[in-house]
Amino acid sequence: MNGEKNVTPIFISSKEIARILGISKSGVFQLTQRGEFPVGIRVGRNRRWRLSEVEDWIASQEAAMKEKVNAK
């Protein structure tokens, strides 16, 4: 192998995302509809997001805030 770990992606629900972000489930869907949050994938009748994509999104939001603060 080339040194990469074989990691199984972890998928989380809108309820879990809402808890992590401190917003409502509808807030998660509103962010998604506005194109401000990863879309996720359909699993049956439900939508799930890769935890890694959510963590990346959070990191990008933090970086944008720091950049905005430093620009002042």
Protein backbone atom coordinates (compact mmCIF):
# COMPACT_ATOMS: atom_id res chain seq x y z
CA MET A 1 0.00 0.00 0.00
CA ASN A 2 0.96 3.64 -0.31
CA GLY A 3 0.73 4.47 3.41
CA GLU A 4 -2.95 5.44 3.38
CA LYS A 5 -5.18 4.09 6.11
CA ASN A 6 -8.17 2.07 5.03
CA VAL A 7 -10.86 4.01 6.90
CA THR A 8 -14.55 3.30 6.70
CA PRO A 9 -16.46 6.58 6.33
CA ILE A 10 -18.76 7.41 9.21
CA PHE A 11 -22.14 8.83 8.22
CA ILE A 12 -24.22 11.00 10.53
CA SER A 13 -27.81 12.24 10.52
CA SER A 14 -29.21 15.76 10.43
CA LYS A 15 -30.14 15.33 14.09
CA GLU A 16 -26.50 14.62 14.97
CA ILE A 17 -25.30 17.53 12.85
CA ALA A 18 -27.83 19.85 14.49
CA ARG A 19 -26.55 18.79 17.91
CA ILE A 20 -22.91 19.34 16.88
CA LEU A 21 -23.62 22.78 15.40
CA GLY A 22 -26.13 23.85 18.03
CA ILE A 23 -28.86 24.52 15.46
CA SER A 24 -32.16 22.90 14.53
CA LYS A 25 -32.54 20.07 12.03
CA SER A 26 -34.40 22.47 9.74
CA GLY A 27 -31.39 24.81 10.03
CA VAL A 28 -29.20 22.05 8.64
CA PHE A 29 -31.53 21.63 5.66
CA GLN A 30 -31.75 25.39 5.12
CA LEU A 31 -27.94 25.62 4.96
CA THR A 32 -27.93 22.72 2.51
CA GLN A 33 -30.63 24.24 0.30
CA ARG A 34 -28.73 27.55 0.15
CA GLY A 35 -25.60 25.68 -0.94
CA GLU A 36 -23.75 26.66 2.23
CA PHE A 37 -23.36 23.12 3.58
CA PRO A 38 -22.46 19.73 2.07
CA VAL A 39 -25.43 18.02 0.42
CA GLY A 40 -24.93 14.55 1.87
CA ILE A 41 -26.27 11.36 0.36
CA ARG A 42 -29.61 9.58 0.39
CA VAL A 43 -29.76 6.35 2.35
CA GLY A 44 -33.23 5.00 1.82
CA ARG A 45 -35.62 7.76 2.86
CA ASN A 46 -33.02 9.55 4.94
CA ARG A 47 -30.09 11.83 4.21
CA ARG A 48 -26.69 11.19 5.76
CA TRP A 49 -23.45 13.16 5.75
CA ARG A 50 -19.88 11.95 5.97
CA LEU A 51 -18.54 13.04 9.34
CA SER A 52 -15.25 13.99 7.66
CA GLU A 53 -17.07 16.39 5.27
CA VAL A 54 -18.91 18.01 8.19
CA GLU A 55 -15.64 18.40 10.09
CA ASP A 56 -14.00 19.92 6.99
CA TRP A 57 -16.92 22.35 6.64
CA ILE A 58 -16.59 23.39 10.30
CA ALA A 59 -12.84 23.93 9.84
CA SER A 60 -13.46 26.07 6.74
CA GLN A 61 -15.99 28.18 8.64
CA GLU A 62 -13.50 28.69 11.47
CA ALA A 63 -10.78 29.67 9.00
CA ALA A 64 -13.11 32.14 7.29
CA MET A 65 -13.96 33.73 10.65
CA LYS A 66 -10.28 34.06 11.57
CA GLU A 67 -9.53 35.57 8.17
CA LYS A 68 -12.39 38.03 8.59
CA VAL A 69 -11.22 39.05 12.08
CA ASN A 70 -7.60 39.45 10.92
CA ALA A 71 -8.69 41.63 7.98
CA LYS A 72 -10.05 44.28 10.35
